[in-house]
Structure formats: C-alpha cells, structure tokens
Amino acid sequence: MAIYTKRVQAVLTEEQYAELAELAQSTGKPISVLVREAVEATYLERRTRQRRMAALDELLSLDAPVGEWPEMEQEIVNGATSS
C-alpha cells in the first residue's frame, strides 16, 4: 500500500467540486482518490508509456543477431542448464 506524504492544493469551481463530490458519492471513493487516479491516468501513465516506447525504439535500433525461435529457445535452455 502506498504511503502518501506530499500534499497538493487545487482550487476548483463550485461546479467542478459538485461534480467531483457527486462522482465520489456514486463510486464510494473519496475525492482525494479520484484526483490521484486522474493524475495517474492523465499524466503519469502517459510518461511511463513514452519511456517504454523510447526503450523499445532503442532495443529495436540495435543490430543484435537473432535466429529462428527454435534455435534461440535452445540457446536459452543451454544457457540456463550450463554451470
């Protein structure tokens, strides 16, 4: 379970707060949870996805030798069983 130690203050319009409070009531989640979920989904997941795509691009740009799957699988098995 995450330990929340940083506090953020945001100012909302009456309408925004009312909508958020209604959503909190209907989902049974506190407003703070809804805000954290929104931040995660909107900003943090996007950054994680971008980092993963950059790592994939870097891997794909390598000119690493790759054989057919049966050959590669045998190399993995041989590597795992050799001491």
C-alpha atoms as a PDB file:
ATOM      1  CA  MET A   1       0.000   0.000   0.000  1.00  0.00           C
ATOM      2  CA  ALA A   2       1.291   3.421  -0.946  1.00  0.00           C
ATOM      3  CA  ILE A   3       2.165   5.915   1.746  1.00  0.00           C
ATOM      4  CA  TYR A   4       1.076   9.401   0.793  1.00  0.00           C
ATOM      5  CA  THR A   5       3.418  12.056   2.167  1.00  0.00           C
ATOM      6  CA  LYS A   6       3.065  15.006  -0.198  1.00  0.00           C
ATOM      7  CA  ARG A   7       0.118  17.353  -0.190  1.00  0.00           C
ATOM      8  CA  VAL A   8      -1.140  19.293  -3.202  1.00  0.00           C
ATOM      9  CA  GLN A   9      -3.743  22.024  -3.107  1.00  0.00           C
ATOM     10  CA  ALA A  10      -6.006  22.749  -6.048  1.00  0.00           C
ATOM     11  CA  VAL A  11      -8.762  25.315  -6.372  1.00  0.00           C
ATOM     12  CA  LEU A  12     -11.897  24.192  -8.216  1.00  0.00           C
ATOM     13  CA  THR A  13     -15.007  25.964  -9.353  1.00  0.00           C
ATOM     14  CA  GLU A  14     -18.240  25.243  -7.499  1.00  0.00           C
ATOM     15  CA  GLU A  15     -19.395  23.193 -10.485  1.00  0.00           C
ATOM     16  CA  GLN A  16     -16.209  21.153 -10.660  1.00  0.00           C
ATOM     17  CA  TYR A  17     -16.322  20.411  -6.959  1.00  0.00           C
ATOM     18  CA  ALA A  18     -20.006  19.479  -7.088  1.00  0.00           C
ATOM     19  CA  GLU A  19     -19.382  17.082  -9.985  1.00  0.00           C
ATOM     20  CA  LEU A  20     -16.414  15.550  -8.210  1.00  0.00           C
ATOM     21  CA  ALA A  21     -18.351  15.196  -4.957  1.00  0.00           C
ATOM     22  CA  GLU A  22     -21.217  13.523  -6.820  1.00  0.00           C
ATOM     23  CA  LEU A  23     -18.812  11.145  -8.521  1.00  0.00           C
ATOM     24  CA  ALA A  24     -17.166  10.373  -5.188  1.00  0.00           C
ATOM     25  CA  GLN A  25     -20.549   9.611  -3.662  1.00  0.00           C
ATOM     26  CA  SER A  26     -21.619   7.364  -6.539  1.00  0.00           C
ATOM     27  CA  THR A  27     -18.330   5.426  -6.645  1.00  0.00           C
ATOM     28  CA  GLY A  28     -17.804   5.245  -2.902  1.00  0.00           C
ATOM     29  CA  LYS A  29     -14.339   6.728  -3.297  1.00  0.00           C
ATOM     30  CA  PRO A  30     -13.034   9.840  -1.560  1.00  0.00           C
ATOM     31  CA  ILE A  31     -12.366  12.878  -3.734  1.00  0.00           C
ATOM     32  CA  SER A  32      -8.648  12.514  -2.983  1.00  0.00           C
ATOM     33  CA  VAL A  33      -8.643   9.034  -4.540  1.00  0.00           C
ATOM     34  CA  LEU A  34     -10.450  10.306  -7.631  1.00  0.00           C
ATOM     35  CA  VAL A  35      -7.901  13.096  -8.028  1.00  0.00           C
ATOM     36  CA  ARG A  36      -4.943  10.713  -7.607  1.00  0.00           C
ATOM     37  CA  GLU A  37      -6.458   8.309 -10.149  1.00  0.00           C
ATOM     38  CA  ALA A  38      -6.995  11.157 -12.605  1.00  0.00           C
ATOM     39  CA  VAL A  39      -3.404  12.369 -12.233  1.00  0.00           C
ATOM     40  CA  GLU A  40      -2.107   8.830 -12.707  1.00  0.00           C
ATOM     41  CA  ALA A  41      -4.256   8.144 -15.777  1.00  0.00           C
ATOM     42  CA  THR A  42      -3.788  11.533 -17.409  1.00  0.00           C
ATOM     43  CA  TYR A  43      -0.136  12.316 -16.800  1.00  0.00           C
ATOM     44  CA  LEU A  44       1.874   9.558 -15.183  1.00  0.00           C
ATOM     45  CA  GLU A  45       0.733   6.609 -17.303  1.00  0.00           C
ATOM     46  CA  ARG A  46       1.458   8.662 -20.436  1.00  0.00           C
ATOM     47  CA  ARG A  47       5.028   9.352 -19.263  1.00  0.00           C
ATOM     48  CA  THR A  48       5.555   5.687 -18.416  1.00  0.00           C
ATOM     49  CA  ARG A  49       4.261   4.688 -21.845  1.00  0.00           C
ATOM     50  CA  GLN A  50       6.573   7.227 -23.515  1.00  0.00           C
ATOM     51  CA  ARG A  51       9.585   5.897 -21.594  1.00  0.00           C
ATOM     52  CA  ARG A  52       8.717   2.323 -22.544  1.00  0.00           C
ATOM     53  CA  MET A  53       8.330   3.277 -26.204  1.00  0.00           C
ATOM     54  CA  ALA A  54      11.715   5.031 -26.129  1.00  0.00           C
ATOM     55  CA  ALA A  55      13.297   1.919 -24.600  1.00  0.00           C
ATOM     56  CA  LEU A  56      11.654  -0.250 -27.262  1.00  0.00           C
ATOM     57  CA  ASP A  57      12.895   2.052 -30.014  1.00  0.00           C
ATOM     58  CA  GLU A  58      16.402   1.799 -28.565  1.00  0.00           C
ATOM     59  CA  LEU A  59      16.210  -2.009 -28.443  1.00  0.00           C
ATOM     60  CA  LEU A  60      14.906  -2.214 -31.978  1.00  0.00           C
ATOM     61  CA  SER A  61      17.702   0.029 -33.228  1.00  0.00           C
ATOM     62  CA  LEU A  62      20.333  -2.448 -32.008  1.00  0.00           C
ATOM     63  CA  ASP A  63      21.814  -4.635 -34.668  1.00  0.00           C
ATOM     64  CA  ALA A  64      21.662  -7.732 -32.474  1.00  0.00           C
ATOM     65  CA  PRO A  65      21.862 -11.158 -34.084  1.00  0.00           C
ATOM     66  CA  VAL A  66      18.581 -13.010 -33.767  1.00  0.00           C
ATOM     67  CA  GLY A  67      17.931 -16.526 -35.022  1.00  0.00           C
ATOM     68  CA  GLU A  68      14.774 -18.507 -35.532  1.00  0.00           C
ATOM     69  CA  TRP A  69      12.775 -19.263 -32.392  1.00  0.00           C
ATOM     70  CA  PRO A  70      13.723 -22.969 -32.028  1.00  0.00           C
ATOM     71  CA  GLU A  71      17.410 -22.035 -32.244  1.00  0.00           C
ATOM     72  CA  MET A  72      17.041 -19.152 -29.769  1.00  0.00           C
ATOM     73  CA  GLU A  73      14.999 -21.324 -27.396  1.00  0.00           C
ATOM     74  CA  GLN A  74      17.718 -23.979 -27.408  1.00  0.00           C
ATOM     75  CA  GLU A  75      20.340 -21.344 -26.614  1.00  0.00           C
ATOM     76  CA  ILE A  76      18.225 -20.170 -23.681  1.00  0.00           C
ATOM     77  CA  VAL A  77      17.797 -23.714 -22.393  1.00  0.00           C
ATOM     78  CA  ASN A  78      21.511 -24.469 -22.820  1.00  0.00           C
ATOM     79  CA  GLY A  79      22.426 -21.250 -21.027  1.00  0.00           C
ATOM     80  CA  ALA A  80      20.048 -21.989 -18.169  1.00  0.00           C
ATOM     81  CA  THR A  81      21.326 -25.529 -17.667  1.00  0.00           C
ATOM     82  CA  SER A  82      25.059 -24.926 -18.038  1.00  0.00           C
ATOM     83  CA  SER A  83      27.028 -24.048 -14.929  1.00  0.00           C
END
